[in-house]
């Protein structure tokens, strides 16, 4: 069973690499999802990644039936409210051997050395984060973010808007990391 899962991930990584090549990416350039899929092949595979280029694929990927990582390959503008929902394993284990729960909206591509090669904008009127341990990474979200879960992060990314938290608990677990910024308010708003 493990061999089938690892084989499937290797095939998925190859397909994702081919897709990145078909999108005019430089040969060494990959999306964050391709790197994640390749990395999880060494671990016992539990999740997959979504590489998205349009609004419909993005909306499906962020749903509770989506994937743990959603990687964009271009700027996206979606004129409806977004909801990042569901609990997903990222394919890694913590020090106690438990599956790590995480969601990531990756607004960038990277090379084989994990150096960011392109950053993208995601524009929407509102993003509601209901997934624990979620992050926006590597690009810019233009709109307001409403956080209804613990451990939300903005990592090497920018939110051009406000970040509102449903409770003080959610706000106190929020982190800006690696130069993450918010241009508006960061406050509890019930």
C-alpha atoms as a PDB file:
ATOM      1  CA  UNK A   1       0.000   0.000   0.000  1.00  0.00           C
ATOM      2  CA  UNK A   2       2.849   2.380   0.862  1.00  0.00           C
ATOM      3  CA  UNK A   3       4.552   1.627  -2.458  1.00  0.00           C
ATOM      4  CA  UNK A   4       1.345   2.534  -4.347  1.00  0.00           C
ATOM      5  CA  UNK A   5       1.012   5.785  -2.404  1.00  0.00           C
ATOM      6  CA  UNK A   6       4.658   6.721  -2.993  1.00  0.00           C
ATOM      7  CA  UNK A   7       4.379   5.774  -6.678  1.00  0.00           C
ATOM      8  CA  UNK A   8       1.240   7.880  -6.999  1.00  0.00           C
ATOM      9  CA  UNK A   9       2.997  10.879  -5.453  1.00  0.00           C
ATOM     10  CA  UNK A  10       5.995  10.481  -7.749  1.00  0.00           C
ATOM     11  CA  UNK A  11       3.671  10.409 -10.765  1.00  0.00           C
ATOM     12  CA  UNK A  12       1.782  13.426  -9.363  1.00  0.00           C
ATOM     13  CA  UNK A  13       5.048  15.330  -8.899  1.00  0.00           C
ATOM     14  CA  UNK A  14       6.056  14.558 -12.482  1.00  0.00           C
ATOM     15  CA  UNK A  15       2.672  15.687 -13.821  1.00  0.00           C
ATOM     16  CA  UNK A  16       2.808  18.872 -11.759  1.00  0.00           C
ATOM     17  CA  UNK A  17       6.311  19.574 -13.052  1.00  0.00           C
ATOM     18  CA  UNK A  18       5.095  19.097 -16.615  1.00  0.00           C
ATOM     19  CA  UNK A  19       2.146  21.406 -15.959  1.00  0.00           C
ATOM     20  CA  UNK A  20       4.491  24.060 -14.592  1.00  0.00           C
ATOM     21  CA  UNK A  21       6.555  23.712 -17.774  1.00  0.00           C
ATOM     22  CA  UNK A  22       3.457  24.087 -19.932  1.00  0.00           C
ATOM     23  CA  UNK A  23       2.684  27.354 -18.177  1.00  0.00           C
ATOM     24  CA  UNK A  24       5.829  29.028 -19.463  1.00  0.00           C
ATOM     25  CA  UNK A  25       7.754  28.521 -16.231  1.00  0.00           C
ATOM     26  CA  UNK A  26      11.504  28.274 -16.430  1.00  0.00           C
ATOM     27  CA  UNK A  27      12.742  24.656 -16.160  1.00  0.00           C
ATOM     28  CA  UNK A  28      14.003  25.090 -12.596  1.00  0.00           C
ATOM     29  CA  UNK A  29      10.863  26.913 -11.512  1.00  0.00           C
ATOM     30  CA  UNK A  30       8.127  25.026  -9.675  1.00  0.00           C
ATOM     31  CA  UNK A  31       5.096  25.888  -7.656  1.00  0.00           C
ATOM     32  CA  UNK A  32       5.098  25.447  -3.912  1.00  0.00           C
ATOM     33  CA  UNK A  33       2.652  22.572  -4.430  1.00  0.00           C
ATOM     34  CA  UNK A  34       5.037  20.670  -6.708  1.00  0.00           C
ATOM     35  CA  UNK A  35       7.742  20.906  -4.079  1.00  0.00           C
ATOM     36  CA  UNK A  36       5.285  19.822  -1.384  1.00  0.00           C
ATOM     37  CA  UNK A  37       4.142  16.836  -3.434  1.00  0.00           C
ATOM     38  CA  UNK A  38       7.732  15.803  -4.078  1.00  0.00           C
ATOM     39  CA  UNK A  39       8.651  16.228  -0.414  1.00  0.00           C
ATOM     40  CA  UNK A  40       5.715  14.174   0.854  1.00  0.00           C
ATOM     41  CA  UNK A  41       6.812  11.231  -1.306  1.00  0.00           C
ATOM     42  CA  UNK A  42       9.565  10.556   1.245  1.00  0.00           C
ATOM     43  CA  UNK A  43       6.960  10.456   4.017  1.00  0.00           C
ATOM     44  CA  UNK A  44       3.932   8.190   4.209  1.00  0.00           C
ATOM     45  CA  UNK A  45       1.674   9.968   1.715  1.00  0.00           C
ATOM     46  CA  UNK A  46      -1.574  11.275   3.159  1.00  0.00           C
ATOM     47  CA  UNK A  47      -2.349  14.414   1.199  1.00  0.00           C
ATOM     48  CA  UNK A  48      -2.091  16.037  -2.186  1.00  0.00           C
ATOM     49  CA  UNK A  49      -1.679  19.579  -3.397  1.00  0.00           C
ATOM     50  CA  UNK A  50      -3.639  21.735  -5.828  1.00  0.00           C
ATOM     51  CA  UNK A  51      -2.030  23.950  -8.411  1.00  0.00           C
ATOM     52  CA  UNK A  52      -4.632  26.430  -9.617  1.00  0.00           C
ATOM     53  CA  UNK A  53      -4.857  28.938 -12.437  1.00  0.00           C
ATOM     54  CA  UNK A  54      -8.530  29.974 -12.311  1.00  0.00           C
ATOM     55  CA  UNK A  55     -11.276  30.909  -9.869  1.00  0.00           C
ATOM     56  CA  UNK A  56     -13.235  27.639 -10.094  1.00  0.00           C
ATOM     57  CA  UNK A  57     -10.179  25.491  -9.316  1.00  0.00           C
ATOM     58  CA  UNK A  58      -9.215  27.832  -6.464  1.00  0.00           C
ATOM     59  CA  UNK A  59     -12.705  27.688  -4.915  1.00  0.00           C
ATOM     60  CA  UNK A  60     -12.724  23.891  -5.076  1.00  0.00           C
ATOM     61  CA  UNK A  61      -9.226  23.647  -3.554  1.00  0.00           C
ATOM     62  CA  UNK A  62     -10.030  25.880  -0.537  1.00  0.00           C
ATOM     63  CA  UNK A  63     -13.257  24.024   0.303  1.00  0.00           C
ATOM     64  CA  UNK A  64     -13.578  21.440   3.058  1.00  0.00           C
ATOM     65  CA  UNK A  65     -13.205  18.821   0.303  1.00  0.00           C
ATOM     66  CA  UNK A  66     -10.094  20.506  -1.129  1.00  0.00           C
ATOM     67  CA  UNK A  67      -6.385  20.074  -0.424  1.00  0.00           C
ATOM     68  CA  UNK A  68      -3.974  21.141   2.291  1.00  0.00           C
ATOM     69  CA  UNK A  69      -1.963  23.407  -0.007  1.00  0.00           C
ATOM     70  CA  UNK A  70      -3.415  25.620  -2.711  1.00  0.00           C
ATOM     71  CA  UNK A  71      -0.734  27.056  -4.999  1.00  0.00           C
ATOM     72  CA  UNK A  72      -1.551  29.700  -7.581  1.00  0.00           C
ATOM     73  CA  UNK A  73       0.349  30.116 -10.836  1.00  0.00           C
ATOM     74  CA  UNK A  74      -0.912  33.615 -11.620  1.00  0.00           C
ATOM     75  CA  UNK A  75      -2.890  36.557 -10.243  1.00  0.00           C
ATOM     76  CA  UNK A  76      -6.521  35.718  -9.448  1.00  0.00           C
ATOM     77  CA  UNK A  77      -9.495  38.011  -8.934  1.00  0.00           C
ATOM     78  CA  UNK A  78     -12.607  36.384  -7.509  1.00  0.00           C
ATOM     79  CA  UNK A  79     -15.677  38.549  -6.998  1.00  0.00           C
ATOM     80  CA  UNK A  80     -17.226  36.428  -4.262  1.00  0.00           C
ATOM     81  CA  UNK A  81     -16.382  35.727  -0.648  1.00  0.00           C
ATOM     82  CA  UNK A  82     -13.863  32.939  -0.072  1.00  0.00           C
ATOM     83  CA  UNK A  83     -13.991  30.361   2.739  1.00  0.00           C
ATOM     84  CA  UNK A  84     -10.928  28.284   3.636  1.00  0.00           C
ATOM     85  CA  UNK A  85     -12.499  25.344   5.439  1.00  0.00           C
ATOM     86  CA  UNK A  86     -11.656  21.818   6.545  1.00  0.00           C
ATOM     87  CA  UNK A  87      -8.981  19.925   8.447  1.00  0.00           C
ATOM     88  CA  UNK A  88      -6.044  18.612   6.425  1.00  0.00           C
ATOM     89  CA  UNK A  89      -2.814  16.751   7.144  1.00  0.00           C
ATOM     90  CA  UNK A  90       0.289  18.116   5.442  1.00  0.00           C
ATOM     91  CA  UNK A  91       2.003  14.719   5.243  1.00  0.00           C
ATOM     92  CA  UNK A  92       4.470  15.397   8.054  1.00  0.00           C
ATOM     93  CA  UNK A  93       4.564  14.261  11.685  1.00  0.00           C
ATOM     94  CA  UNK A  94       5.345  16.276  14.820  1.00  0.00           C
ATOM     95  CA  UNK A  95       7.889  15.219  17.472  1.00  0.00           C
ATOM     96  CA  UNK A  96       5.271  12.993  19.116  1.00  0.00           C
ATOM     97  CA  UNK A  97       4.571  11.197  15.830  1.00  0.00           C
ATOM     98  CA  UNK A  98       1.164  12.789  15.258  1.00  0.00           C
ATOM     99  CA  UNK A  99       0.047  14.057  11.849  1.00  0.00           C
ATOM    100  CA  UNK A 100       0.555  17.810  11.401  1.00  0.00           C
ATOM    101  CA  UNK A 101      -2.628  19.687  10.522  1.00  0.00           C
ATOM    102  CA  UNK A 102      -2.102  22.659   8.170  1.00  0.00           C
ATOM    103  CA  UNK A 103      -3.584  24.677   5.284  1.00  0.00           C
ATOM    104  CA  UNK A 104      -1.559  26.944   3.018  1.00  0.00           C
ATOM    105  CA  UNK A 105      -2.546  29.400   0.309  1.00  0.00           C
ATOM    106  CA  UNK A 106       0.726  29.667  -1.612  1.00  0.00           C
ATOM    107  CA  UNK A 107       0.743  32.780  -3.787  1.00  0.00           C
ATOM    108  CA  UNK A 108       4.164  32.123  -5.335  1.00  0.00           C
ATOM    109  CA  UNK A 109       6.385  29.821  -7.364  1.00  0.00           C
ATOM    110  CA  UNK A 110       9.852  28.726  -6.353  1.00  0.00           C
ATOM    111  CA  UNK A 111      12.960  27.100  -7.775  1.00  0.00           C
ATOM    112  CA  UNK A 112      14.544  23.799  -6.741  1.00  0.00           C
ATOM    113  CA  UNK A 113      16.355  25.594  -3.896  1.00  0.00           C
ATOM    114  CA  UNK A 114      13.034  26.965  -2.523  1.00  0.00           C
ATOM    115  CA  UNK A 115      13.911  30.504  -3.660  1.00  0.00           C
ATOM    116  CA  UNK A 116      10.756  32.436  -4.591  1.00  0.00           C
ATOM    117  CA  UNK A 117      10.748  33.109  -8.348  1.00  0.00           C
ATOM    118  CA  UNK A 118       7.361  34.833  -8.741  1.00  0.00           C
ATOM    119  CA  UNK A 119       4.689  36.281  -6.431  1.00  0.00           C
ATOM    120  CA  UNK A 120       0.993  36.593  -7.192  1.00  0.00           C
ATOM    121  CA  UNK A 121      -2.026  38.606  -6.069  1.00  0.00           C
ATOM    122  CA  UNK A 122      -5.292  37.080  -4.911  1.00  0.00           C
ATOM    123  CA  UNK A 123      -8.117  39.623  -4.846  1.00  0.00           C
ATOM    124  CA  UNK A 124     -11.507  38.975  -3.228  1.00  0.00           C
ATOM    125  CA  UNK A 125     -13.866  41.026  -1.052  1.00  0.00           C
ATOM    126  CA  UNK A 126     -13.442  38.672   1.923  1.00  0.00           C
ATOM    127  CA  UNK A 127     -11.582  35.535   2.982  1.00  0.00           C
ATOM    128  CA  UNK A 128     -12.903  33.629   5.996  1.00  0.00           C
ATOM    129  CA  UNK A 129     -10.353  31.259   7.537  1.00  0.00           C
ATOM    130  CA  UNK A 130     -11.991  28.314   9.321  1.00  0.00           C
ATOM    131  CA  UNK A 131      -9.055  25.881   9.045  1.00  0.00           C
ATOM    132  CA  UNK A 132      -6.645  25.507  11.979  1.00  0.00           C
ATOM    133  CA  UNK A 133      -2.971  26.281  11.291  1.00  0.00           C
ATOM    134  CA  UNK A 134      -3.723  28.104   8.037  1.00  0.00           C
ATOM    135  CA  UNK A 135      -1.395  30.534   6.349  1.00  0.00           C
ATOM    136  CA  UNK A 136      -1.157  32.888   3.419  1.00  0.00           C
ATOM    137  CA  UNK A 137       2.363  32.726   2.051  1.00  0.00           C
ATOM    138  CA  UNK A 138       4.523  34.421  -0.546  1.00  0.00           C
ATOM    139  CA  UNK A 139       2.245  36.927  -2.302  1.00  0.00           C
ATOM    140  CA  UNK A 140      -0.511  39.456  -1.646  1.00  0.00           C
ATOM    141  CA  UNK A 141      -4.130  38.970  -0.623  1.00  0.00           C
ATOM    142  CA  UNK A 142      -6.215  42.052  -1.461  1.00  0.00           C
ATOM    143  CA  UNK A 143      -9.320  42.090   0.718  1.00  0.00           C
ATOM    144  CA  UNK A 144     -10.318  41.572   4.343  1.00  0.00           C
ATOM    145  CA  UNK A 145      -9.535  38.360   6.227  1.00  0.00           C
ATOM    146  CA  UNK A 146     -11.894  37.013   8.910  1.00  0.00           C
ATOM    147  CA  UNK A 147     -10.213  34.429  11.161  1.00  0.00           C
ATOM    148  CA  UNK A 148     -12.331  31.800  12.916  1.00  0.00           C
ATOM    149  CA  UNK A 149      -9.546  29.356  13.847  1.00  0.00           C
ATOM    150  CA  UNK A 150      -6.320  29.158  15.831  1.00  0.00           C
ATOM    151  CA  UNK A 151      -2.783  29.683  14.563  1.00  0.00           C
ATOM    152  CA  UNK A 152      -3.425  31.751  11.428  1.00  0.00           C
ATOM    153  CA  UNK A 153      -0.194  33.078   9.894  1.00  0.00           C
ATOM    154  CA  UNK A 154       0.890  35.501   7.205  1.00  0.00           C
ATOM    155  CA  UNK A 155       4.306  34.319   6.056  1.00  0.00           C
ATOM    156  CA  UNK A 156       6.437  36.373   3.664  1.00  0.00           C
ATOM    157  CA  UNK A 157       3.176  37.806   2.345  1.00  0.00           C
ATOM    158  CA  UNK A 158       0.999  40.888   2.531  1.00  0.00           C
ATOM    159  CA  UNK A 159      -2.675  41.412   3.299  1.00  0.00           C
ATOM    160  CA  UNK A 160      -3.882  44.645   1.744  1.00  0.00           C
ATOM    161  CA  UNK A 161      -6.880  45.016   3.999  1.00  0.00           C
ATOM    162  CA  UNK A 162      -7.891  44.198   7.549  1.00  0.00           C
ATOM    163  CA  UNK A 163      -7.538  41.002   9.551  1.00  0.00           C
ATOM    164  CA  UNK A 164     -10.478  40.464  11.914  1.00  0.00           C
ATOM    165  CA  UNK A 165     -10.593  37.727  14.546  1.00  0.00           C
ATOM    166  CA  UNK A 166     -13.769  36.090  15.870  1.00  0.00           C
ATOM    167  CA  UNK A 167     -12.233  35.905  19.374  1.00  0.00           C
ATOM    168  CA  UNK A 168      -9.280  37.064  21.435  1.00  0.00           C
ATOM    169  CA  UNK A 169      -8.047  33.439  21.461  1.00  0.00           C
ATOM    170  CA  UNK A 170      -7.753  33.431  17.665  1.00  0.00           C
ATOM    171  CA  UNK A 171      -6.049  36.832  17.678  1.00  0.00           C
ATOM    172  CA  UNK A 172      -3.505  35.810  20.323  1.00  0.00           C
ATOM    173  CA  UNK A 173      -2.486  32.756  18.256  1.00  0.00           C
ATOM    174  CA  UNK A 174      -1.967  34.874  15.077  1.00  0.00           C
ATOM    175  CA  UNK A 175       1.571  35.360  13.738  1.00  0.00           C
ATOM    176  CA  UNK A 176       3.289  37.500  11.144  1.00  0.00           C
ATOM    177  CA  UNK A 177       6.409  35.682   9.986  1.00  0.00           C
ATOM    178  CA  UNK A 178       9.311  36.315   7.596  1.00  0.00           C
ATOM    179  CA  UNK A 179       8.235  39.870   6.782  1.00  0.00           C
ATOM    180  CA  UNK A 180       4.487  39.245   6.652  1.00  0.00           C
ATOM    181  CA  UNK A 181       2.447  42.485   6.806  1.00  0.00           C
ATOM    182  CA  UNK A 182      -1.101  43.755   7.124  1.00  0.00           C
ATOM    183  CA  UNK A 183      -1.918  47.245   5.811  1.00  0.00           C
ATOM    184  CA  UNK A 184      -5.146  47.630   7.812  1.00  0.00           C
ATOM    185  CA  UNK A 185      -6.416  46.775  11.271  1.00  0.00           C
ATOM    186  CA  UNK A 186      -5.751  43.550  13.147  1.00  0.00           C
ATOM    187  CA  UNK A 187      -8.488  43.348  15.760  1.00  0.00           C
ATOM    188  CA  UNK A 188     -11.214  41.246  17.315  1.00  0.00           C
ATOM    189  CA  UNK A 189     -14.542  41.843  15.573  1.00  0.00           C
ATOM    190  CA  UNK A 190     -17.535  39.743  16.527  1.00  0.00           C
END
